[in-house]
Amino acid sequence: MRIEALTHLGAGRASDGTLVPRTLPGEEIALRPDGSAQILTPSDQRVAPPCRHYRGCGGCALQHASDPFVAGFKQGIVERALSAHGLTPPFRGLHTSPPRSRRRAKFAGRRTKKGALVGFHARGSDTLVAVPDCQLVTPRLTAALPMLEALTVLAASRRGEVALTVTESDAGLDVRVDSEQPLTDQLRLDLAVFAQTHGLARLSWGEDPIAMIHPPGQVFGPARVVPPAGAFLQATAEGEAALRDAVTEILGDAARVVDLFAGCGTFSLPLSQRAEIHAVEGEAAMLDALDQGWRRAQGLKRITTEVRDLFRRPLEPDELNRFDAAVIDPPRAGAEAQVATLARSSIQTIAMVSCNPVTFGRDVAVLVNAGFTIDWVKVVDQFRWSPHTELVARVTRG
């Protein structure tokens, strides 16, 4: 059969509708009994996967495609999401984070007869694949795999898996364990000793802090913030910088800015070097981390914070009218309710950041129908070799 196109999840679609992973448009293929593709006529965009684990691991989906092809594929996802609403804005050059740059990863761990196995699941399977030479995560996270195996022996039940979320910080690794095993007093003590022995900055059991040897800081502009365990963080430092620089350019010399879905201050803190910021977020712990980071920094303008569920209680036009500009970075569900009130406000400039082109298209169409213009869109590929796509857009009234 012939592959005609890729779905938004990166799977090849044949002319009869069959979906075949790890194929490319234009390729002639034959299906093996296990459903994998034998490539009969390869695309000129096909390359040798850079990671030796790619065949078995499900962590990446597009290592068989050239970088220019993947860049075009991801921008095409955004273009199609916007064209569904009749929108065809100009695009700026795409940013792609380099290999071995993911500073945060969620590994799975399972106990074995000889110890433990830590890695990623195979595609569409509960089979666990060890990834000692992963080309996606930073070398620091790869070097932590033996430590995570030892932690799995301690934290996993005999038959269940543990989820191990590991984040680089300026003070060492920040590790969160999610396990079905009960947290007994003895296990709590053992985990605290483990954190000390292995030099972890922080070890948490779910949202329950076990040990914090050194506060695990993240630098946002001139401020250092210690986020709550598991709090949102941009996937790569390079991707964060691309988004931050674009947002800073969009807001220009605005003197009063509202940061909607502010998190721990990814944008608020850098922007406060030249503007007063009102940061709004639904999680109090994240805003507390932002506020403490702001108070410890020097030379920043005033930041106020507000804990508020923007899905159920968005800022109303009279509240928004106090500001010159807004930055909005919602989760994948988008910000339908908040965008509706932005459309009725007097705000002139909006920096829209999104991790879901479909909900971005829906939301930005509301603004365009209210008289806004999409000046430009920039795609930011922090999740290299995956179909996941992020973007930032400059949206102005009139």
Protein backbone atom coordinates (compact mmCIF):
# COMPACT_ATOMS: atom_id res chain seq x y z
CA MET A 1 0.00 0.00 0.00
CA ARG A 2 1.00 3.63 -0.39
CA ILE A 3 1.16 6.13 2.48
CA GLU A 4 -0.74 9.26 1.51
CA ALA A 5 -0.32 11.52 4.56
CA LEU A 6 0.45 11.69 8.28
CA THR A 7 -2.19 12.07 10.96
CA HIS A 8 -1.78 14.76 13.61
CA LEU A 9 -0.33 12.00 15.85
CA GLY A 10 2.40 11.22 13.32
CA ALA A 11 1.07 7.90 11.99
CA GLY A 12 1.02 7.26 8.25
CA ARG A 13 -2.40 6.97 6.62
CA ALA A 14 -2.78 4.71 3.60
CA SER A 15 -5.30 5.31 0.83
CA ASP A 16 -7.68 2.76 2.39
CA GLY A 17 -7.49 4.48 5.79
CA THR A 18 -5.08 2.04 7.40
CA LEU A 19 -2.83 3.74 9.96
CA VAL A 20 0.79 2.62 9.97
CA PRO A 21 3.25 4.11 12.50
CA ARG A 22 6.73 5.22 11.48
CA THR A 23 6.02 5.69 7.81
CA LEU A 24 6.16 8.80 5.63
CA PRO A 25 4.01 10.22 2.84
CA GLY A 26 4.79 8.76 -0.58
CA GLU A 27 6.28 5.53 0.75
CA GLU A 28 5.26 2.17 -0.69
CA ILE A 29 5.04 -0.36 2.11
CA ALA A 30 3.97 -3.91 2.94
CA LEU A 31 2.51 -4.81 6.31
CA ARG A 32 4.21 -7.47 8.36
CA PRO A 33 2.08 -9.88 10.47
CA ASP A 34 2.80 -7.82 13.60
CA GLY A 35 1.42 -4.65 11.94
CA SER A 36 4.77 -2.98 11.40
CA ALA A 37 5.79 -1.66 8.00
CA GLN A 38 8.27 -3.11 5.58
CA ILE A 39 9.43 -0.11 3.57
CA LEU A 40 9.53 -1.02 -0.11
CA THR A 41 10.06 2.47 -1.53
CA PRO A 42 11.41 4.89 1.09
CA SER A 43 10.73 8.62 1.13
CA ASP A 44 13.64 10.94 0.43
CA GLN A 45 12.80 12.45 3.85
CA ARG A 46 13.49 9.15 5.66
CA VAL A 47 16.63 9.13 7.84
CA ALA A 48 18.33 6.64 10.13
CA PRO A 49 16.92 7.09 13.67
CA PRO A 50 19.60 8.68 15.87
CA CYS A 51 18.63 6.62 18.94
CA ARG A 52 19.41 2.92 19.20
CA HIS A 53 16.29 2.43 21.36
CA TYR A 54 13.89 3.80 18.74
CA ARG A 55 12.78 0.44 17.36
CA GLY A 56 11.37 -0.77 20.69
CA CYS A 57 10.76 2.42 22.68
CA GLY A 58 7.52 4.37 22.41
CA GLY A 59 8.94 7.64 23.72
CA CYS A 60 9.48 9.09 20.22
CA ALA A 61 7.37 8.85 17.08
CA LEU A 62 9.24 10.71 14.33
CA GLN A 63 12.95 9.88 14.53
CA HIS A 64 12.70 8.24 11.09
CA ALA A 65 11.93 11.63 9.49
CA SER A 66 14.37 14.43 8.63
CA ASP A 67 14.39 17.57 10.74
CA PRO A 68 13.05 19.76 7.90
CA PHE A 69 10.19 17.33 7.33
CA VAL A 70 9.25 17.31 11.03
CA ALA A 71 9.39 21.11 11.16
CA GLY A 72 7.05 21.36 8.19
CA PHE A 73 4.77 18.69 9.64
CA LYS A 74 4.42 20.56 12.93
CA GLN A 75 3.81 23.93 11.33
CA GLY A 76 1.28 22.22 9.09
CA ILE A 77 -0.64 21.03 12.15
CA VAL A 78 -1.01 24.63 13.31
CA GLU A 79 -1.86 25.89 9.83
CA ARG A 80 -4.65 23.33 9.45
CA ALA A 81 -6.05 24.09 12.90
CA LEU A 82 -6.27 27.77 11.97
CA SER A 83 -7.55 27.24 8.43
CA ALA A 84 -10.50 25.33 9.92
CA HIS A 85 -11.61 28.78 11.17
CA GLY A 86 -10.71 30.60 7.97
CA LEU A 87 -7.47 32.00 9.44
CA THR A 88 -4.21 32.19 7.46
CA PRO A 89 -1.76 34.33 9.49
CA PRO A 90 1.94 34.71 8.66
CA PHE A 91 4.39 32.35 10.39
CA ARG A 92 7.81 33.11 11.79
CA GLY A 93 10.72 30.67 11.75
CA LEU A 94 10.19 27.54 13.84
CA HIS A 95 12.28 26.78 16.92
CA THR A 96 13.34 23.17 17.54
CA SER A 97 15.05 22.25 20.81
CA PRO A 98 18.26 20.23 20.32
CA PRO A 99 18.72 16.53 21.14
CA ARG A 100 19.37 15.64 24.77
CA SER A 101 17.69 18.82 26.00
CA ARG A 102 14.57 17.58 27.81
CA ARG A 103 15.22 18.59 31.40
CA ARG A 104 12.19 16.80 32.75
CA ALA A 105 10.94 13.28 32.06
CA LYS A 106 8.42 10.84 33.46
CA PHE A 107 9.92 7.36 33.57
CA ALA A 108 8.17 4.14 34.49
CA GLY A 109 9.78 1.70 36.91
CA ARG A 110 9.07 -1.95 37.63
CA ARG A 111 10.69 -4.42 39.99
CA THR A 112 12.31 -7.52 38.50
CA LYS A 113 13.83 -10.70 39.91
CA LYS A 114 17.28 -9.17 39.62
CA GLY A 115 16.43 -5.65 40.73
CA ALA A 116 14.45 -3.16 38.68
CA LEU A 117 13.84 -1.86 35.16
CA VAL A 118 13.33 1.85 34.43
CA GLY A 119 12.50 3.34 31.05
CA PHE A 120 9.65 4.17 28.69
CA HIS A 121 6.79 2.00 27.46
CA ALA A 122 6.81 0.49 24.00
CA ARG A 123 4.26 2.03 21.64
CA GLY A 124 0.72 1.00 22.58
CA SER A 125 2.00 -1.52 25.11
CA ASP A 126 2.72 -2.03 28.78
CA THR A 127 6.13 -3.49 27.86
CA LEU A 128 8.86 -1.45 29.50
CA VAL A 129 11.99 -0.60 27.49
CA ALA A 130 15.26 0.41 29.14
CA VAL A 131 16.74 3.58 27.57
CA PRO A 132 20.35 3.97 28.84
CA ASP A 133 21.32 5.89 25.67
CA CYS A 134 18.20 8.04 25.27
CA GLN A 135 18.76 10.90 22.81
CA LEU A 136 15.83 12.92 24.12
CA VAL A 137 16.60 13.69 27.78
CA THR A 138 19.61 15.55 29.14
CA PRO A 139 22.76 13.60 30.02
CA ARG A 140 22.07 14.39 33.65
CA LEU A 141 18.75 12.53 33.52
CA THR A 142 20.30 9.61 31.65
CA ALA A 143 22.99 9.35 34.30
CA ALA A 144 20.26 9.14 36.96
CA LEU A 145 18.77 5.88 35.61
CA PRO A 146 20.74 3.56 37.97
CA MET A 147 19.58 5.71 40.90
CA LEU A 148 15.99 5.45 39.67
CA GLU A 149 16.31 1.68 39.46
CA ALA A 150 17.38 1.59 43.12
CA LEU A 151 14.47 3.89 43.99
CA THR A 152 12.08 1.57 42.14
CA VAL A 153 13.19 -1.38 44.28
CA LEU A 154 12.34 0.69 47.32
CA ALA A 155 9.11 2.31 46.14
CA ALA A 156 7.34 -0.13 43.80
CA SER A 157 4.95 -2.86 44.86
CA ARG A 158 5.87 -6.34 43.71
CA ARG A 159 3.50 -6.34 40.74
CA GLY A 160 2.79 -2.67 40.08
CA GLU A 161 4.71 0.12 38.39
CA VAL A 162 5.92 3.41 39.75
CA ALA A 163 5.93 6.69 37.86
CA LEU A 164 9.16 8.61 38.41
CA THR A 165 9.06 12.27 37.38
CA VAL A 166 12.60 13.65 37.37
CA THR A 167 13.39 17.33 36.89
CA GLU A 168 16.75 19.06 36.69
CA SER A 169 17.17 21.99 39.06
CA ASP A 170 20.04 24.25 39.97
CA ALA A 171 20.48 22.31 43.23
CA GLY A 172 20.28 18.77 41.86
CA LEU A 173 17.54 16.40 40.80
CA ASP A 174 13.95 16.93 41.91
CA VAL A 175 12.20 13.52 41.99
CA ARG A 176 8.53 12.74 42.42
CA VAL A 177 7.32 9.17 42.98
CA ASP A 178 3.75 8.05 42.23
CA SER A 179 3.12 4.51 43.47
CA GLU A 180 0.24 2.33 44.60
CA GLN A 181 2.34 1.09 47.51
CA PRO A 182 1.25 2.54 50.90
CA LEU A 183 3.60 5.11 52.39
CA THR A 184 4.39 3.61 55.78
CA ASP A 185 6.47 5.31 58.45
CA GLN A 186 9.34 2.93 57.71
CA LEU A 187 9.17 3.61 53.98
CA ARG A 188 9.12 7.35 54.63
CA LEU A 189 12.29 6.99 56.69
CA ASP A 190 13.93 4.79 54.05
CA LEU A 191 13.09 7.30 51.33
CA ALA A 192 14.54 10.19 53.35
CA VAL A 193 17.78 8.26 53.80
CA PHE A 194 17.77 7.43 50.08
CA ALA A 195 17.44 11.10 49.14
CA GLN A 196 20.35 12.02 51.40
CA THR A 197 22.52 9.16 50.16
CA HIS A 198 21.99 9.93 46.48
CA GLY A 199 22.26 13.71 46.83
CA LEU A 200 18.76 14.51 45.60
CA ALA A 201 17.62 18.09 45.93
CA ARG A 202 14.08 16.96 46.78
CA LEU A 203 12.16 13.70 46.94
CA SER A 204 8.35 13.67 47.02
CA TRP A 205 5.77 10.89 47.27
CA GLY A 206 3.03 12.28 45.10
CA GLU A 207 2.38 15.72 46.54
CA ASP A 208 3.75 14.66 49.93
CA PRO A 209 7.30 16.03 50.46
CA ILE A 210 9.61 13.37 51.91
CA ALA A 211 12.93 15.18 52.00
CA MET A 212 14.29 18.48 50.70
CA ILE A 213 18.06 18.50 51.06
CA HIS A 214 18.50 21.61 48.91
CA PRO A 215 15.59 23.68 47.56
CA PRO A 216 15.36 22.78 43.84
CA GLY A 217 15.36 26.15 42.11
CA GLN A 218 14.41 27.19 38.58
CA VAL A 219 15.60 30.51 37.17
CA PHE A 220 12.94 32.70 35.55
CA GLY A 221 14.60 35.87 34.33
CA PRO A 222 16.35 37.52 37.28
CA ALA A 223 14.47 35.45 39.89
CA ARG A 224 15.00 32.01 41.39
CA VAL A 225 11.83 30.05 42.12
CA VAL A 226 11.33 26.76 43.98
CA PRO A 227 8.23 25.24 42.35
CA PRO A 228 5.98 22.77 44.17
CA ALA A 229 6.71 19.12 43.44
CA GLY A 230 5.36 18.23 40.01
CA ALA A 231 4.50 21.83 39.07
CA PHE A 232 4.45 22.73 35.38
CA LEU A 233 7.79 23.56 33.79
CA GLN A 234 8.58 24.11 30.12
CA ALA A 235 10.17 20.96 28.73
CA THR A 236 13.49 22.47 27.64
CA ALA A 237 15.45 25.55 28.63
CA GLU A 238 15.83 26.41 24.93
CA GLY A 239 12.10 26.15 24.28
CA GLU A 240 11.32 28.26 27.32
CA ALA A 241 13.73 30.94 26.09
CA ALA A 242 12.10 30.96 22.63
CA LEU A 243 8.64 31.43 24.16
CA ARG A 244 9.84 34.02 26.67
CA ASP A 245 11.65 36.10 24.04
CA ALA A 246 8.60 36.06 21.78
CA VAL A 247 6.25 37.07 24.60
CA THR A 248 8.60 39.85 25.69
CA GLU A 249 8.71 41.20 22.13
CA ILE A 250 4.93 41.03 21.77
CA LEU A 251 4.23 42.99 24.95
CA GLY A 252 6.80 45.63 24.10
CA ASP A 253 6.63 48.67 26.39
CA ALA A 254 3.26 47.80 27.99
CA ALA A 255 3.37 49.18 31.53
CA ARG A 256 0.65 46.99 33.10
CA VAL A 257 0.32 43.34 32.12
CA VAL A 258 -1.99 40.57 33.29
CA ASP A 259 -0.50 37.06 33.14
CA LEU A 260 -3.33 34.51 32.87
CA PHE A 261 -2.51 30.91 33.87
CA ALA A 262 0.73 32.29 35.27
CA GLY A 263 2.04 29.11 36.88
CA CYS A 264 5.21 29.73 38.89
CA GLY A 265 6.19 32.82 36.91
CA THR A 266 7.75 31.62 33.65
CA PHE A 267 6.64 34.87 32.01
CA SER A 268 5.66 37.08 34.97
CA LEU A 269 9.11 37.28 36.49
CA PRO A 270 11.08 38.16 33.32
CA LEU A 271 8.37 40.62 32.26
CA SER A 272 8.48 42.35 35.65
CA GLN A 273 11.85 43.82 34.74
CA ARG A 274 9.94 46.49 32.79
CA ALA A 275 6.23 46.16 33.59
CA GLU A 276 3.94 45.76 36.58
CA ILE A 277 2.39 42.30 36.51
CA HIS A 278 -0.79 40.80 37.89
CA ALA A 279 -0.34 37.01 37.90
CA VAL A 280 -3.47 34.84 38.00
CA GLU A 281 -3.36 31.07 38.54
CA GLY A 282 -5.64 28.40 39.97
CA GLU A 283 -3.00 26.71 42.16
CA ALA A 284 -2.10 28.64 45.30
CA ALA A 285 1.19 26.78 45.83
CA MET A 286 2.47 27.85 42.42
CA LEU A 287 1.64 31.50 43.05
CA ASP A 288 3.27 31.30 46.46
CA ALA A 289 6.47 30.07 44.80
CA LEU A 290 6.24 32.93 42.28
CA ASP A 291 5.72 35.49 45.03
CA GLN A 292 8.65 34.25 47.08
CA GLY A 293 10.90 34.31 44.02
CA TRP A 294 9.85 37.88 43.27
CA ARG A 295 10.45 39.03 46.84
CA ARG A 296 13.97 37.59 46.89
CA ALA A 297 14.96 39.12 43.53
CA GLN A 298 16.30 42.62 43.04
CA GLY A 299 15.22 45.42 40.72
CA LEU A 300 11.83 44.04 39.66
CA LYS A 301 8.63 46.01 39.33
CA ARG A 302 5.59 45.12 41.38
CA ILE A 303 3.94 41.70 40.95
CA THR A 304 0.55 41.00 42.49
CA THR A 305 -0.96 37.52 42.55
CA GLU A 306 -4.50 36.16 42.54
CA VAL A 307 -5.62 32.56 43.07
CA ARG A 308 -8.55 32.04 40.71
CA ASP A 309 -10.09 29.27 38.63
CA LEU A 310 -10.07 30.91 35.21
CA PHE A 311 -12.22 28.17 33.71
CA ARG A 312 -15.10 28.79 36.08
CA ARG A 313 -14.46 32.42 36.99
CA PRO A 314 -12.51 34.23 34.29
CA LEU A 315 -11.44 37.83 34.75
CA GLU A 316 -14.28 40.05 33.53
CA PRO A 317 -13.86 42.96 31.08
CA ASP A 318 -13.95 45.61 33.82
CA GLU A 319 -11.10 43.80 35.60
CA LEU A 320 -9.09 43.35 32.40
CA ASN A 321 -9.50 46.99 31.38
CA ARG A 322 -6.96 48.00 34.03
CA PHE A 323 -4.19 46.47 31.90
CA ASP A 324 -2.43 47.45 28.69
CA ALA A 325 -1.69 43.90 27.56
CA ALA A 326 -2.16 40.26 28.47
CA VAL A 327 -0.24 37.02 28.21
CA ILE A 328 -2.28 33.82 28.33
CA ASP A 329 -0.81 30.29 28.49
CA PRO A 330 -3.63 27.83 29.25
CA PRO A 331 -3.43 24.02 29.47
CA ARG A 332 -4.47 21.80 26.56
CA ALA A 333 -8.17 22.50 27.10
CA GLY A 334 -7.57 26.10 26.06
CA ALA A 335 -9.23 29.14 27.64
CA GLU A 336 -12.65 29.48 26.05
CA ALA A 337 -14.30 31.35 28.93
CA GLN A 338 -11.35 33.68 29.54
CA VAL A 339 -10.90 34.47 25.85
CA ALA A 340 -14.58 35.43 25.62
CA THR A 341 -14.08 38.16 28.25
CA LEU A 342 -10.78 39.26 26.69
CA ALA A 343 -12.68 39.83 23.45
CA ARG A 344 -15.03 42.23 25.26
CA SER A 345 -12.27 44.08 27.11
CA SER A 346 -10.28 47.12 26.02
CA ILE A 347 -6.95 45.28 26.03
CA GLN A 348 -5.05 46.00 22.83
CA THR A 349 -2.27 43.38 22.79
CA ILE A 350 -2.32 39.69 23.71
CA ALA A 351 0.57 37.22 23.71
CA MET A 352 -1.12 33.84 23.22
CA VAL A 353 0.88 30.72 24.13
CA SER A 354 -0.61 27.31 23.46
CA CYS A 355 0.26 23.62 23.65
CA ASN A 356 -2.79 22.57 21.60
CA PRO A 357 -3.26 24.00 18.09
CA VAL A 358 -6.91 22.87 17.98
CA THR A 359 -8.04 24.78 21.08
CA PHE A 360 -5.78 27.69 20.09
CA GLY A 361 -7.58 27.90 16.74
CA ARG A 362 -10.94 27.87 18.47
CA ASP A 363 -9.95 30.55 20.98
CA VAL A 364 -8.11 32.91 18.66
CA ALA A 365 -11.03 32.81 16.21
CA VAL A 366 -13.18 34.39 18.95
CA LEU A 367 -10.73 37.26 19.20
CA VAL A 368 -10.52 37.72 15.44
CA ASN A 369 -14.30 37.87 15.24
CA ALA A 370 -14.19 40.58 17.92
CA GLY A 371 -11.84 42.75 15.85
CA PHE A 372 -8.38 41.41 16.68
CA THR A 373 -5.71 40.50 14.13
CA ILE A 374 -3.17 37.66 14.31
CA ASP A 375 0.03 39.50 13.43
CA TRP A 376 2.20 36.38 13.40
CA VAL A 377 2.54 32.84 14.78
CA LYS A 378 5.72 31.05 15.83
CA VAL A 379 5.83 27.27 16.32
CA VAL A 380 8.05 26.08 19.17
CA ASP A 381 9.06 22.41 19.10
CA GLN A 382 10.18 21.50 22.60
CA PHE A 383 9.03 17.90 22.25
CA ARG A 384 11.48 16.81 19.60
CA TRP A 385 10.57 13.72 17.55
CA SER A 386 7.01 13.72 18.92
CA PRO A 387 3.82 15.01 17.25
CA HIS A 388 3.29 17.45 20.14
CA THR A 389 3.31 21.08 18.98
CA GLU A 390 3.48 24.39 20.86
CA LEU A 391 3.20 27.93 19.60
CA VAL A 392 3.14 31.61 20.49
CA ALA A 393 1.19 34.28 18.62
CA ARG A 394 0.94 38.07 18.59
CA VAL A 395 -2.71 39.14 18.59
CA THR A 396 -3.61 42.85 18.49
CA ARG A 397 -6.82 44.81 18.31
CA GLY A 398 -7.46 46.64 15.06
